[in-house]
Amino acid sequence: MLAVVFVSEAAWNMMLARLFSLSRARACYTRLKTPIDRVLGAGLAALGLKIATT
């Protein structure tokens, strides 16, 4: 089981490293970074409010 998890995680990280080594992917991420951060921040804030109100 540990070997399967290790191989899976290693493959995922290698795939992401390869993807973000491409200039087009980096440019797209740089352009969308602010909206992505805002959406995820709003989601975390909503989860925090839900936890605080329960």
N, C-alpha and C. Protein backbone atom coordinates (compact mmCIF):
# COMPACT_ATOMS: atom_id res chain seq x y z
N MET A 1 0.82 -1.19 0.00
CA MET A 1 0.00 0.00 0.00
C MET A 1 0.87 1.26 0.00
N LEU A 2 1.90 1.28 0.82
CA LEU A 2 2.77 2.45 0.87
C LEU A 2 3.48 2.67 -0.46
N ALA A 3 3.87 1.59 -1.12
CA ALA A 3 4.53 1.73 -2.42
C ALA A 3 3.58 2.32 -3.45
N VAL A 4 2.33 1.92 -3.43
CA VAL A 4 1.35 2.45 -4.37
C VAL A 4 1.15 3.95 -4.13
N VAL A 5 1.04 4.35 -2.87
CA VAL A 5 0.87 5.77 -2.54
C VAL A 5 2.11 6.55 -2.97
N PHE A 6 3.28 6.01 -2.70
CA PHE A 6 4.52 6.69 -3.08
C PHE A 6 4.60 6.89 -4.59
N VAL A 7 4.34 5.83 -5.34
CA VAL A 7 4.42 5.92 -6.80
C VAL A 7 3.37 6.90 -7.33
N SER A 8 2.19 6.85 -6.78
CA SER A 8 1.12 7.76 -7.20
C SER A 8 1.50 9.22 -6.95
N GLU A 9 1.99 9.51 -5.76
CA GLU A 9 2.38 10.88 -5.43
C GLU A 9 3.57 11.33 -6.26
N ALA A 10 4.53 10.47 -6.46
CA ALA A 10 5.70 10.83 -7.27
C ALA A 10 5.28 11.13 -8.71
N ALA A 11 4.40 10.30 -9.27
CA ALA A 11 3.93 10.53 -10.63
C ALA A 11 3.18 11.85 -10.73
N TRP A 12 2.31 12.14 -9.77
CA TRP A 12 1.55 13.39 -9.77
C TRP A 12 2.48 14.59 -9.71
N ASN A 13 3.47 14.55 -8.81
CA ASN A 13 4.39 15.68 -8.69
C ASN A 13 5.26 15.85 -9.94
N MET A 14 5.67 14.75 -10.55
CA MET A 14 6.44 14.85 -11.79
C MET A 14 5.60 15.43 -12.91
N MET A 15 4.33 15.04 -12.98
CA MET A 15 3.44 15.56 -14.00
C MET A 15 3.24 17.07 -13.82
N LEU A 16 3.03 17.52 -12.59
CA LEU A 16 2.87 18.95 -12.34
C LEU A 16 4.14 19.72 -12.65
N ALA A 17 5.28 19.16 -12.29
CA ALA A 17 6.55 19.83 -12.58
C ALA A 17 6.74 19.96 -14.09
N ARG A 18 6.41 18.93 -14.83
CA ARG A 18 6.53 18.99 -16.29
C ARG A 18 5.55 20.00 -16.87
N LEU A 19 4.33 20.01 -16.37
CA LEU A 19 3.33 20.95 -16.87
C LEU A 19 3.76 22.39 -16.63
N PHE A 20 4.20 22.71 -15.42
CA PHE A 20 4.56 24.08 -15.11
C PHE A 20 5.94 24.47 -15.63
N SER A 21 6.67 23.54 -16.23
CA SER A 21 7.92 23.91 -16.89
C SER A 21 7.65 24.48 -18.28
N LEU A 22 6.42 24.32 -18.78
CA LEU A 22 6.05 24.88 -20.08
C LEU A 22 5.68 26.35 -19.91
N SER A 23 6.21 27.19 -20.78
CA SER A 23 5.99 28.63 -20.63
C SER A 23 4.51 29.00 -20.79
N ARG A 24 3.79 28.30 -21.65
CA ARG A 24 2.37 28.61 -21.85
C ARG A 24 1.56 28.34 -20.57
N ALA A 25 1.85 27.23 -19.90
CA ALA A 25 1.15 26.91 -18.66
C ALA A 25 1.49 27.91 -17.57
N ARG A 26 2.76 28.31 -17.47
CA ARG A 26 3.15 29.31 -16.47
C ARG A 26 2.46 30.64 -16.73
N ALA A 27 2.38 31.05 -17.99
CA ALA A 27 1.73 32.32 -18.33
C ALA A 27 0.25 32.27 -18.00
N CYS A 28 -0.40 31.15 -18.29
CA CYS A 28 -1.82 31.00 -17.99
C CYS A 28 -2.05 31.03 -16.49
N TYR A 29 -1.23 30.34 -15.73
CA TYR A 29 -1.38 30.34 -14.28
C TYR A 29 -1.13 31.73 -13.70
N THR A 30 -0.12 32.43 -14.21
CA THR A 30 0.17 33.78 -13.73
C THR A 30 -1.01 34.71 -13.98
N ARG A 31 -1.65 34.56 -15.13
CA ARG A 31 -2.79 35.40 -15.47
C ARG A 31 -3.99 35.10 -14.58
N LEU A 32 -4.18 33.82 -14.23
CA LEU A 32 -5.36 33.41 -13.46
C LEU A 32 -5.12 33.29 -11.96
N LYS A 33 -3.90 33.58 -11.50
CA LYS A 33 -3.57 33.37 -10.10
C LYS A 33 -4.45 34.19 -9.16
N THR A 34 -4.65 35.45 -9.44
CA THR A 34 -5.46 36.31 -8.55
C THR A 34 -6.90 35.83 -8.45
N PRO A 35 -7.59 35.56 -9.58
CA PRO A 35 -8.97 35.06 -9.45
C PRO A 35 -9.04 33.71 -8.72
N ILE A 36 -8.08 32.83 -8.97
CA ILE A 36 -8.07 31.53 -8.30
C ILE A 36 -7.91 31.73 -6.79
N ASP A 37 -6.97 32.60 -6.40
CA ASP A 37 -6.75 32.87 -4.97
C ASP A 37 -8.00 33.46 -4.31
N ARG A 38 -8.69 34.34 -5.02
CA ARG A 38 -9.89 34.96 -4.45
C ARG A 38 -11.02 33.95 -4.27
N VAL A 39 -11.22 33.09 -5.26
CA VAL A 39 -12.27 32.09 -5.17
C VAL A 39 -11.98 31.11 -4.04
N LEU A 40 -10.75 30.62 -3.97
CA LEU A 40 -10.40 29.68 -2.91
C LEU A 40 -10.44 30.35 -1.54
N GLY A 41 -10.04 31.62 -1.45
CA GLY A 41 -10.12 32.35 -0.19
C GLY A 41 -11.56 32.51 0.27
N ALA A 42 -12.45 32.82 -0.68
CA ALA A 42 -13.87 32.94 -0.33
C ALA A 42 -14.43 31.60 0.14
N GLY A 43 -14.01 30.53 -0.50
CA GLY A 43 -14.46 29.20 -0.08
C GLY A 43 -13.98 28.86 1.33
N LEU A 44 -12.73 29.18 1.63
CA LEU A 44 -12.21 28.93 2.98
C LEU A 44 -12.92 29.80 4.01
N ALA A 45 -13.22 31.05 3.65
CA ALA A 45 -13.95 31.92 4.56
C ALA A 45 -15.35 31.38 4.83
N ALA A 46 -16.00 30.86 3.78
CA ALA A 46 -17.33 30.28 3.95
C ALA A 46 -17.28 29.06 4.86
N LEU A 47 -16.27 28.22 4.67
CA LEU A 47 -16.12 27.06 5.55
C LEU A 47 -15.88 27.49 6.99
N GLY A 48 -15.05 28.52 7.17
CA GLY A 48 -14.78 29.04 8.51
C GLY A 48 -16.04 29.57 9.17
N LEU A 49 -16.85 30.29 8.41
CA LEU A 49 -18.11 30.80 8.95
C LEU A 49 -19.06 29.66 9.32
N LYS A 50 -19.08 28.64 8.48
CA LYS A 50 -19.95 27.49 8.77
C LYS A 50 -19.52 26.81 10.07
N ILE A 51 -18.22 26.63 10.23
CA ILE A 51 -17.72 26.00 11.45
C ILE A 51 -18.00 26.90 12.66
N ALA A 52 -17.83 28.21 12.50
CA ALA A 52 -18.02 29.13 13.61
C ALA A 52 -19.50 29.19 14.05
N THR A 53 -20.41 28.96 13.11
CA THR A 53 -21.84 29.07 13.44
C THR A 53 -22.45 27.75 13.89
N THR A 54 -21.69 26.68 13.86
CA THR A 54 -22.26 25.39 14.31
C THR A 54 -21.72 25.00 15.65
